[in-house]
Amino acid sequence: MSDTDKHSGRAIIEDGAIVIRIPLEYLDTIVEGAWAASGIDVRYRITDRSVFAQELTHSLNAEEEDGTTLIHRTFDAAINDAIEQGAQGIEEHEDQDA
């Protein structure tokens, strides 16, 4: 199993960065999984993986009026979850009014 396969769909730390790597060949399974897990209401199939990957990337990076993206909201949720689970290496800031 390659490193890409081993870490696909998982966040890892690589060269000083948090990296989430999704090989395009896995998009079909991801879309099917989204339907199976009720993440989407209608079942779809990918007809052009390269085109859909560009569209999906655009959606991930699309900014709201305040500049936030789906990626920002995902990190917000992950930070909150980590704190609720007792994450180490983080503490409440003394200045809560900033």
PDB file of N, CA and C in Angstrom:
ATOM      1  N   MET A   1       0.852  -1.187   0.000  1.00  0.00           N
ATOM      2  CA  MET A   1       0.000   0.000   0.000  1.00  0.00           C
ATOM      3  C   MET A   1       0.892   1.243   0.000  1.00  0.00           C
ATOM      4  N   SER A   2       0.628   2.137  -0.917  1.00  0.00           N
ATOM      5  CA  SER A   2       1.438   3.354  -1.017  1.00  0.00           C
ATOM      6  C   SER A   2       1.086   4.318   0.109  1.00  0.00           C
ATOM      7  N   ASP A   3       1.965   5.293   0.346  1.00  0.00           N
ATOM      8  CA  ASP A   3       1.684   6.315   1.355  1.00  0.00           C
ATOM      9  C   ASP A   3       0.418   7.080   1.012  1.00  0.00           C
ATOM     10  N   THR A   4       0.192   7.328  -0.297  1.00  0.00           N
ATOM     11  CA  THR A   4      -1.018   8.041  -0.717  1.00  0.00           C
ATOM     12  C   THR A   4      -2.252   7.244  -0.332  1.00  0.00           C
ATOM     13  N   ASP A   5      -2.258   5.937  -0.620  1.00  0.00           N
ATOM     14  CA  ASP A   5      -3.400   5.101  -0.265  1.00  0.00           C
ATOM     15  C   ASP A   5      -3.576   5.033   1.245  1.00  0.00           C
ATOM     16  N   LYS A   6      -2.469   4.910   1.956  1.00  0.00           N
ATOM     17  CA  LYS A   6      -2.519   4.767   3.410  1.00  0.00           C
ATOM     18  C   LYS A   6      -3.096   6.016   4.078  1.00  0.00           C
ATOM     19  N   HIS A   7      -2.835   7.185   3.525  1.00  0.00           N
ATOM     20  CA  HIS A   7      -3.260   8.440   4.151  1.00  0.00           C
ATOM     21  C   HIS A   7      -4.434   9.099   3.442  1.00  0.00           C
ATOM     22  N   SER A   8      -4.980   8.460   2.425  1.00  0.00           N
ATOM     23  CA  SER A   8      -6.058   9.069   1.658  1.00  0.00           C
ATOM     24  C   SER A   8      -7.267   9.380   2.527  1.00  0.00           C
ATOM     25  N   GLY A   9      -7.728  10.619   2.408  1.00  0.00           N
ATOM     26  CA  GLY A   9      -8.902  11.033   3.163  1.00  0.00           C
ATOM     27  C   GLY A   9      -8.632  11.272   4.628  1.00  0.00           C
ATOM     28  N   ARG A  10      -7.397  11.257   5.025  1.00  0.00           N
ATOM     29  CA  ARG A  10      -7.021  11.480   6.420  1.00  0.00           C
ATOM     30  C   ARG A  10      -6.106  12.691   6.495  1.00  0.00           C
ATOM     31  N   ALA A  11      -6.227  13.418   7.559  1.00  0.00           N
ATOM     32  CA  ALA A  11      -5.324  14.551   7.782  1.00  0.00           C
ATOM     33  C   ALA A  11      -4.034  14.018   8.384  1.00  0.00           C
ATOM     34  N   ILE A  12      -2.920  14.467   7.840  1.00  0.00           N
ATOM     35  CA  ILE A  12      -1.608  14.107   8.372  1.00  0.00           C
ATOM     36  C   ILE A  12      -0.768  15.375   8.463  1.00  0.00           C
ATOM     37  N   ILE A  13       0.303  15.301   9.227  1.00  0.00           N
ATOM     38  CA  ILE A  13       1.274  16.391   9.267  1.00  0.00           C
ATOM     39  C   ILE A  13       2.427  15.974   8.371  1.00  0.00           C
ATOM     40  N   GLU A  14       2.725  16.846   7.400  1.00  0.00           N
ATOM     41  CA  GLU A  14       3.751  16.546   6.408  1.00  0.00           C
ATOM     42  C   GLU A  14       4.532  17.818   6.122  1.00  0.00           C
ATOM     43  N   ASP A  15       5.823  17.781   6.364  1.00  0.00           N
ATOM     44  CA  ASP A  15       6.693  18.926   6.096  1.00  0.00           C
ATOM     45  C   ASP A  15       6.168  20.215   6.735  1.00  0.00           C
ATOM     46  N   GLY A  16       5.721  20.126   7.984  1.00  0.00           N
ATOM     47  CA  GLY A  16       5.284  21.306   8.714  1.00  0.00           C
ATOM     48  C   GLY A  16       3.920  21.844   8.319  1.00  0.00           C
ATOM     49  N   ALA A  17       3.089  21.014   7.666  1.00  0.00           N
ATOM     50  CA  ALA A  17       1.756  21.450   7.247  1.00  0.00           C
ATOM     51  C   ALA A  17       0.744  20.339   7.497  1.00  0.00           C
ATOM     52  N   ILE A  18      -0.490  20.723   7.797  1.00  0.00           N
ATOM     53  CA  ILE A  18      -1.572  19.749   7.850  1.00  0.00           C
ATOM     54  C   ILE A  18      -2.010  19.506   6.416  1.00  0.00           C
ATOM     55  N   VAL A  19      -2.014  18.244   5.999  1.00  0.00           N
ATOM     56  CA  VAL A  19      -2.299  17.880   4.620  1.00  0.00           C
ATOM     57  C   VAL A  19      -3.453  16.878   4.590  1.00  0.00           C
ATOM     58  N   ILE A  20      -4.415  17.133   3.712  1.00  0.00           N
ATOM     59  CA  ILE A  20      -5.487  16.181   3.439  1.00  0.00           C
ATOM     60  C   ILE A  20      -5.397  15.874   1.955  1.00  0.00           C
ATOM     61  N   ARG A  21      -5.098  14.637   1.638  1.00  0.00           N
ATOM     62  CA  ARG A  21      -4.865  14.259   0.244  1.00  0.00           C
ATOM     63  C   ARG A  21      -5.947  13.277  -0.185  1.00  0.00           C
ATOM     64  N   ILE A  22      -6.637  13.616  -1.267  1.00  0.00           N
ATOM     65  CA  ILE A  22      -7.672  12.755  -1.818  1.00  0.00           C
ATOM     66  C   ILE A  22      -7.314  12.455  -3.277  1.00  0.00           C
ATOM     67  N   PRO A  23      -6.869  11.244  -3.580  1.00  0.00           N
ATOM     68  CA  PRO A  23      -6.612  10.916  -4.982  1.00  0.00           C
ATOM     69  C   PRO A  23      -7.912  11.002  -5.793  1.00  0.00           C
ATOM     70  N   LEU A  24      -7.825  11.563  -6.975  1.00  0.00           N
ATOM     71  CA  LEU A  24      -9.019  11.739  -7.803  1.00  0.00           C
ATOM     72  C   LEU A  24      -9.712  10.415  -8.094  1.00  0.00           C
ATOM     73  N   GLU A  25      -8.953   9.345  -8.141  1.00  0.00           N
ATOM     74  CA  GLU A  25      -9.553   8.036  -8.419  1.00  0.00           C
ATOM     75  C   GLU A  25     -10.508   7.592  -7.308  1.00  0.00           C
ATOM     76  N   TYR A  26     -10.470   8.231  -6.153  1.00  0.00           N
ATOM     77  CA  TYR A  26     -11.352   7.873  -5.037  1.00  0.00           C
ATOM     78  C   TYR A  26     -12.653   8.676  -5.037  1.00  0.00           C
ATOM     79  N   LEU A  27     -12.776   9.656  -5.923  1.00  0.00           N
ATOM     80  CA  LEU A  27     -13.971  10.500  -5.911  1.00  0.00           C
ATOM     81  C   LEU A  27     -15.257   9.717  -6.123  1.00  0.00           C
ATOM     82  N   ASP A  28     -15.228   8.701  -6.974  1.00  0.00           N
ATOM     83  CA  ASP A  28     -16.426   7.892  -7.194  1.00  0.00           C
ATOM     84  C   ASP A  28     -16.903   7.260  -5.877  1.00  0.00           C
ATOM     85  N   THR A  29     -15.975   6.697  -5.134  1.00  0.00           N
ATOM     86  CA  THR A  29     -16.298   6.074  -3.850  1.00  0.00           C
ATOM     87  C   THR A  29     -16.775   7.109  -2.846  1.00  0.00           C
ATOM     88  N   ILE A  30     -16.177   8.278  -2.873  1.00  0.00           N
ATOM     89  CA  ILE A  30     -16.569   9.340  -1.950  1.00  0.00           C
ATOM     90  C   ILE A  30     -17.993   9.812  -2.232  1.00  0.00           C
ATOM     91  N   VAL A  31     -18.321   9.997  -3.507  1.00  0.00           N
ATOM     92  CA  VAL A  31     -19.674  10.420  -3.875  1.00  0.00           C
ATOM     93  C   VAL A  31     -20.678   9.334  -3.487  1.00  0.00           C
ATOM     94  N   GLU A  32     -20.344   8.092  -3.762  1.00  0.00           N
ATOM     95  CA  GLU A  32     -21.231   6.983  -3.386  1.00  0.00           C
ATOM     96  C   GLU A  32     -21.395   6.924  -1.874  1.00  0.00           C
ATOM     97  N   GLY A  33     -20.317   7.131  -1.143  1.00  0.00           N
ATOM     98  CA  GLY A  33     -20.376   7.129   0.322  1.00  0.00           C
ATOM     99  C   GLY A  33     -21.213   8.274   0.873  1.00  0.00           C
ATOM    100  N   ALA A  34     -21.146   9.426   0.212  1.00  0.00           N
ATOM    101  CA  ALA A  34     -21.956  10.566   0.653  1.00  0.00           C
ATOM    102  C   ALA A  34     -23.436  10.237   0.550  1.00  0.00           C
ATOM    103  N   TRP A  35     -23.818   9.551  -0.519  1.00  0.00           N
ATOM    104  CA  TRP A  35     -25.216   9.137  -0.680  1.00  0.00           C
ATOM    105  C   TRP A  35     -25.586   8.056   0.336  1.00  0.00           C
ATOM    106  N   ALA A  36     -24.727   7.061   0.503  1.00  0.00           N
ATOM    107  CA  ALA A  36     -25.009   5.949   1.418  1.00  0.00           C
ATOM    108  C   ALA A  36     -25.143   6.425   2.862  1.00  0.00           C
ATOM    109  N   ALA A  37     -24.401   7.471   3.213  1.00  0.00           N
ATOM    110  CA  ALA A  37     -24.440   7.995   4.585  1.00  0.00           C
ATOM    111  C   ALA A  37     -25.452   9.134   4.738  1.00  0.00           C
ATOM    112  N   SER A  38     -26.287   9.322   3.724  1.00  0.00           N
ATOM    113  CA  SER A  38     -27.317  10.376   3.723  1.00  0.00           C
ATOM    114  C   SER A  38     -26.730  11.779   3.747  1.00  0.00           C
ATOM    115  N   GLY A  39     -25.513  11.912   3.275  1.00  0.00           N
ATOM    116  CA  GLY A  39     -24.918  13.241   3.151  1.00  0.00           C
ATOM    117  C   GLY A  39     -25.499  14.014   1.978  1.00  0.00           C
ATOM    118  N   ILE A  40     -25.978  13.276   0.980  1.00  0.00           N
ATOM    119  CA  ILE A  40     -26.697  13.863  -0.148  1.00  0.00           C
ATOM    120  C   ILE A  40     -27.968  13.035  -0.349  1.00  0.00           C
ATOM    121  N   ASP A  41     -29.022  13.687  -0.802  1.00  0.00           N
ATOM    122  CA  ASP A  41     -30.327  13.023  -0.912  1.00  0.00           C
ATOM    123  C   ASP A  41     -30.506  12.209  -2.186  1.00  0.00           C
ATOM    124  N   VAL A  42     -29.792  12.561  -3.235  1.00  0.00           N
ATOM    125  CA  VAL A  42     -29.934  11.909  -4.531  1.00  0.00           C
ATOM    126  C   VAL A  42     -28.632  11.184  -4.850  1.00  0.00           C
ATOM    127  N   ARG A  43     -28.744   9.998  -5.397  1.00  0.00           N
ATOM    128  CA  ARG A  43     -27.545   9.243  -5.779  1.00  0.00           C
ATOM    129  C   ARG A  43     -27.021   9.776  -7.114  1.00  0.00           C
ATOM    130  N   TYR A  44     -25.724  10.040  -7.175  1.00  0.00           N
ATOM    131  CA  TYR A  44     -25.065  10.538  -8.379  1.00  0.00           C
ATOM    132  C   TYR A  44     -23.939   9.599  -8.773  1.00  0.00           C
ATOM    133  N   ARG A  45     -23.529   9.713 -10.020  1.00  0.00           N
ATOM    134  CA  ARG A  45     -22.303   9.056 -10.479  1.00  0.00           C
ATOM    135  C   ARG A  45     -21.487  10.089 -11.242  1.00  0.00           C
ATOM    136  N   ILE A  46     -20.203   9.989 -11.118  1.00  0.00           N
ATOM    137  CA  ILE A  46     -19.299  10.928 -11.777  1.00  0.00           C
ATOM    138  C   ILE A  46     -19.134  10.507 -13.228  1.00  0.00           C
ATOM    139  N   THR A  47     -19.302  11.450 -14.131  1.00  0.00           N
ATOM    140  CA  THR A  47     -19.150  11.175 -15.565  1.00  0.00           C
ATOM    141  C   THR A  47     -17.815  11.685 -16.112  1.00  0.00           C
ATOM    142  N   ASP A  48     -17.221  12.651 -15.426  1.00  0.00           N
ATOM    143  CA  ASP A  48     -15.910  13.175 -15.815  1.00  0.00           C
ATOM    144  C   ASP A  48     -15.189  13.575 -14.530  1.00  0.00           C
ATOM    145  N   ARG A  49     -14.333  12.690 -14.077  1.00  0.00           N
ATOM    146  CA  ARG A  49     -13.668  12.868 -12.778  1.00  0.00           C
ATOM    147  C   ARG A  49     -12.854  14.151 -12.719  1.00  0.00           C
ATOM    148  N   SER A  50     -12.129  14.466 -13.782  1.00  0.00           N
ATOM    149  CA  SER A  50     -11.288  15.661 -13.790  1.00  0.00           C
ATOM    150  C   SER A  50     -12.138  16.930 -13.684  1.00  0.00           C
ATOM    151  N   VAL A  51     -13.209  16.996 -14.447  1.00  0.00           N
ATOM    152  CA  VAL A  51     -14.093  18.164 -14.403  1.00  0.00           C
ATOM    153  C   VAL A  51     -14.749  18.279 -13.034  1.00  0.00           C
ATOM    154  N   PHE A  52     -15.261  17.146 -12.509  1.00  0.00           N
ATOM    155  CA  PHE A  52     -15.911  17.196 -11.203  1.00  0.00           C
ATOM    156  C   PHE A  52     -14.923  17.593 -10.108  1.00  0.00           C
ATOM    157  N   ALA A  53     -13.693  17.128 -10.193  1.00  0.00           N
ATOM    158  CA  ALA A  53     -12.674  17.494  -9.199  1.00  0.00           C
ATOM    159  C   ALA A  53     -12.452  19.000  -9.187  1.00  0.00           C
ATOM    160  N   GLN A  54     -12.435  19.620 -10.373  1.00  0.00           N
ATOM    161  CA  GLN A  54     -12.286  21.074 -10.439  1.00  0.00           C
ATOM    162  C   GLN A  54     -13.491  21.774  -9.820  1.00  0.00           C
ATOM    163  N   GLU A  55     -14.688  21.267 -10.088  1.00  0.00           N
ATOM    164  CA  GLU A  55     -15.901  21.850  -9.522  1.00  0.00           C
ATOM    165  C   GLU A  55     -15.920  21.701  -8.003  1.00  0.00           C
ATOM    166  N   LEU A  56     -15.532  20.534  -7.520  1.00  0.00           N
ATOM    167  CA  LEU A  56     -15.501  20.289  -6.077  1.00  0.00           C
ATOM    168  C   LEU A  56     -14.480  21.196  -5.394  1.00  0.00           C
ATOM    169  N   THR A  57     -13.320  21.340  -6.001  1.00  0.00           N
ATOM    170  CA  THR A  57     -12.289  22.220  -5.460  1.00  0.00           C
ATOM    171  C   THR A  57     -12.789  23.662  -5.414  1.00  0.00           C
ATOM    172  N   HIS A  58     -13.489  24.068  -6.452  1.00  0.00           N
ATOM    173  CA  HIS A  58     -14.073  25.410  -6.463  1.00  0.00           C
ATOM    174  C   HIS A  58     -15.041  25.579  -5.287  1.00  0.00           C
ATOM    175  N   SER A  59     -15.880  24.587  -5.042  1.00  0.00           N
ATOM    176  CA  SER A  59     -16.823  24.662  -3.917  1.00  0.00           C
ATOM    177  C   SER A  59     -16.101  24.719  -2.573  1.00  0.00           C
ATOM    178  N   LEU A  60     -15.043  23.950  -2.429  1.00  0.00           N
ATOM    179  CA  LEU A  60     -14.285  23.963  -1.178  1.00  0.00           C
ATOM    180  C   LEU A  60     -13.650  25.323  -0.913  1.00  0.00           C
ATOM    181  N   ASN A  61     -13.257  26.009  -1.981  1.00  0.00           N
ATOM    182  CA  ASN A  61     -12.554  27.287  -1.856  1.00  0.00           C
ATOM    183  C   ASN A  61     -13.452  28.510  -2.035  1.00  0.00           C
ATOM    184  N   ALA A  62     -14.730  28.307  -2.350  1.00  0.00           N
ATOM    185  CA  ALA A  62     -15.647  29.438  -2.566  1.00  0.00           C
ATOM    186  C   ALA A  62     -15.824  30.219  -1.268  1.00  0.00           C
ATOM    187  N   GLU A  63     -15.688  31.532  -1.370  1.00  0.00           N
ATOM    188  CA  GLU A  63     -15.748  32.397  -0.187  1.00  0.00           C
ATOM    189  C   GLU A  63     -17.142  32.971   0.021  1.00  0.00           C
ATOM    190  N   GLU A  64     -17.554  32.976   1.283  1.00  0.00           N
ATOM    191  CA  GLU A  64     -18.769  33.679   1.683  1.00  0.00           C
ATOM    192  C   GLU A  64     -18.443  35.176   1.709  1.00  0.00           C
ATOM    193  N   GLU A  65     -19.412  35.997   2.017  1.00  0.00           N
ATOM    194  CA  GLU A  65     -19.183  37.450   2.072  1.00  0.00           C
ATOM    195  C   GLU A  65     -18.089  37.823   3.067  1.00  0.00           C
ATOM    196  N   ASP A  66     -17.976  37.044   4.158  1.00  0.00           N
ATOM    197  CA  ASP A  66     -16.967  37.352   5.175  1.00  0.00           C
ATOM    198  C   ASP A  66     -15.607  36.719   4.884  1.00  0.00           C
ATOM    199  N   GLY A  67     -15.488  36.037   3.735  1.00  0.00           N
ATOM    200  CA  GLY A  67     -14.215  35.441   3.342  1.00  0.00           C
ATOM    201  C   GLY A  67     -14.035  33.999   3.772  1.00  0.00           C
ATOM    202  N   THR A  68     -14.980  33.454   4.536  1.00  0.00           N
ATOM    203  CA  THR A  68     -14.828  32.069   4.981  1.00  0.00           C
ATOM    204  C   THR A  68     -15.199  31.096   3.861  1.00  0.00           C
ATOM    205  N   THR A  69     -14.616  29.916   3.944  1.00  0.00           N
ATOM    206  CA  THR A  69     -14.866  28.849   2.981  1.00  0.00           C
ATOM    207  C   THR A  69     -15.328  27.604   3.732  1.00  0.00           C
ATOM    208  N   LEU A  70     -15.716  26.576   2.982  1.00  0.00           N
ATOM    209  CA  LEU A  70     -16.037  25.291   3.609  1.00  0.00           C
ATOM    210  C   LEU A  70     -14.840  24.745   4.381  1.00  0.00           C
ATOM    211  N   ILE A  71     -13.658  25.023   3.890  1.00  0.00           N
ATOM    212  CA  ILE A  71     -12.452  24.563   4.581  1.00  0.00           C
ATOM    213  C   ILE A  71     -12.332  25.248   5.940  1.00  0.00           C
ATOM    214  N   HIS A  72     -12.584  26.562   5.994  1.00  0.00           N
ATOM    215  CA  HIS A  72     -12.557  27.271   7.280  1.00  0.00           C
ATOM    216  C   HIS A  72     -13.571  26.657   8.246  1.00  0.00           C
ATOM    217  N   ARG A  73     -14.793  26.424   7.757  1.00  0.00           N
ATOM    218  CA  ARG A  73     -15.840  25.884   8.636  1.00  0.00           C
ATOM    219  C   ARG A  73     -15.507  24.467   9.084  1.00  0.00           C
ATOM    220  N   THR A  74     -14.855  23.703   8.227  1.00  0.00           N
ATOM    221  CA  THR A  74     -14.425  22.358   8.613  1.00  0.00           C
ATOM    222  C   THR A  74     -13.376  22.436   9.719  1.00  0.00           C
ATOM    223  N   PHE A  75     -12.428  23.351   9.586  1.00  0.00           N
ATOM    224  CA  PHE A  75     -11.413  23.515  10.627  1.00  0.00           C
ATOM    225  C   PHE A  75     -12.040  24.019  11.929  1.00  0.00           C
ATOM    226  N   ASP A  76     -12.998  24.944  11.831  1.00  0.00           N
ATOM    227  CA  ASP A  76     -13.695  25.406  13.041  1.00  0.00           C
ATOM    228  C   ASP A  76     -14.327  24.235  13.771  1.00  0.00           C
ATOM    229  N   ALA A  77     -15.012  23.366  13.036  1.00  0.00           N
ATOM    230  CA  ALA A  77     -15.671  22.209  13.643  1.00  0.00           C
ATOM    231  C   ALA A  77     -14.641  21.239  14.225  1.00  0.00           C
ATOM    232  N   ALA A  78     -13.532  21.037  13.513  1.00  0.00           N
ATOM    233  CA  ALA A  78     -12.500  20.119  13.991  1.00  0.00           C
ATOM    234  C   ALA A  78     -11.807  20.664  15.240  1.00  0.00           C
ATOM    235  N   ILE A  79     -11.555  21.972  15.276  1.00  0.00           N
ATOM    236  CA  ILE A  79     -10.953  22.591  16.470  1.00  0.00           C
ATOM    237  C   ILE A  79     -11.886  22.412  17.654  1.00  0.00           C
ATOM    238  N   ASN A  80     -13.160  22.711  17.453  1.00  0.00           N
ATOM    239  CA  ASN A  80     -14.140  22.569  18.523  1.00  0.00           C
ATOM    240  C   ASN A  80     -14.207  21.123  19.016  1.00  0.00           C
ATOM    241  N   ASP A  81     -14.228  20.169  18.101  1.00  0.00           N
ATOM    242  CA  ASP A  81     -14.272  18.760  18.475  1.00  0.00           C
ATOM    243  C   ASP A  81     -13.027  18.351  19.255  1.00  0.00           C
ATOM    244  N   ALA A  82     -11.861  18.780  18.791  1.00  0.00           N
ATOM    245  CA  ALA A  82     -10.621  18.436  19.485  1.00  0.00           C
ATOM    246  C   ALA A  82     -10.634  18.976  20.911  1.00  0.00           C
ATOM    247  N   ILE A  83     -11.088  20.225  21.086  1.00  0.00           N
ATOM    248  CA  ILE A  83     -11.149  20.827  22.423  1.00  0.00           C
ATOM    249  C   ILE A  83     -12.136  20.060  23.300  1.00  0.00           C
ATOM    250  N   GLU A  84     -13.305  19.737  22.741  1.00  0.00           N
ATOM    251  CA  GLU A  84     -14.308  18.992  23.511  1.00  0.00           C
ATOM    252  C   GLU A  84     -13.800  17.611  23.918  1.00  0.00           C
ATOM    253  N   GLN A  85     -12.896  17.047  23.122  1.00  0.00           N
ATOM    254  CA  GLN A  85     -12.330  15.732  23.428  1.00  0.00           C
ATOM    255  C   GLN A  85     -11.101  15.831  24.345  1.00  0.00           C
ATOM    256  N   GLY A  86     -10.807  17.035  24.813  1.00  0.00           N
ATOM    257  CA  GLY A  86      -9.702  17.218  25.754  1.00  0.00           C
ATOM    258  C   GLY A  86      -8.343  17.375  25.110  1.00  0.00           C
ATOM    259  N   ALA A  87      -8.293  17.978  23.929  1.00  0.00           N
ATOM    260  CA  ALA A  87      -7.026  18.149  23.219  1.00  0.00           C
ATOM    261  C   ALA A  87      -5.981  18.819  24.099  1.00  0.00           C
ATOM    262  N   GLN A  88      -4.753  18.366  23.956  1.00  0.00           N
ATOM    263  CA  GLN A  88      -3.621  18.973  24.639  1.00  0.00           C
ATOM    264  C   GLN A  88      -2.950  19.957  23.696  1.00  0.00           C
ATOM    265  N   GLY A  89      -2.162  20.861  24.247  1.00  0.00           N
ATOM    266  CA  GLY A  89      -1.421  21.815  23.439  1.00  0.00           C
ATOM    267  C   GLY A  89      -2.217  23.067  23.106  1.00  0.00           C
ATOM    268  N   ILE A  90      -3.341  23.258  23.780  1.00  0.00           N
ATOM    269  CA  ILE A  90      -4.175  24.431  23.563  1.00  0.00           C
ATOM    270  C   ILE A  90      -4.819  24.800  24.894  1.00  0.00           C
ATOM    271  N   GLU A  91      -5.009  26.103  25.120  1.00  0.00           N
ATOM    272  CA  GLU A  91      -5.668  26.563  26.338  1.00  0.00           C
ATOM    273  C   GLU A  91      -6.456  27.825  26.037  1.00  0.00           C
ATOM    274  N   GLU A  92      -7.391  28.128  26.914  1.00  0.00           N
ATOM    275  CA  GLU A  92      -8.180  29.340  26.743  1.00  0.00           C
ATOM    276  C   GLU A  92      -7.279  30.565  26.823  1.00  0.00           C
ATOM    277  N   HIS A  93      -7.505  31.494  25.920  1.00  0.00           N
ATOM    278  CA  HIS A  93      -6.741  32.734  25.896  1.00  0.00           C
ATOM    279  C   HIS A  93      -7.223  33.633  27.044  1.00  0.00           C
ATOM    280  N   GLU A  94      -6.304  34.347  27.661  1.00  0.00           N
ATOM    281  CA  GLU A  94      -6.690  35.212  28.792  1.00  0.00           C
ATOM    282  C   GLU A  94      -7.531  36.395  28.356  1.00  0.00           C
ATOM    283  N   ASP A  95      -7.430  36.821  27.102  1.00  0.00           N
ATOM    284  CA  ASP A  95      -8.186  37.967  26.612  1.00  0.00           C
ATOM    285  C   ASP A  95      -9.351  37.476  25.766  1.00  0.00           C
ATOM    286  N   GLN A  96     -10.524  37.393  26.336  1.00  0.00           N
ATOM    287  CA  GLN A  96     -11.717  36.900  25.633  1.00  0.00           C
ATOM    288  C   GLN A  96     -12.507  38.029  24.971  1.00  0.00           C
ATOM    289  N   ASP A  97     -12.033  39.275  25.069  1.00  0.00           N
ATOM    290  CA  ASP A  97     -12.756  40.432  24.525  1.00  0.00           C
ATOM    291  C   ASP A  97     -12.159  40.952  23.234  1.00  0.00           C
ATOM    292  N   ALA A  98     -11.127  40.333  22.734  1.00  0.00           N
ATOM    293  CA  ALA A  98     -10.443  40.835  21.530  1.00  0.00           C
ATOM    294  C   ALA A  98     -11.275  40.641  20.288  1.00  0.00           C
TER     295      ALA A  98
END
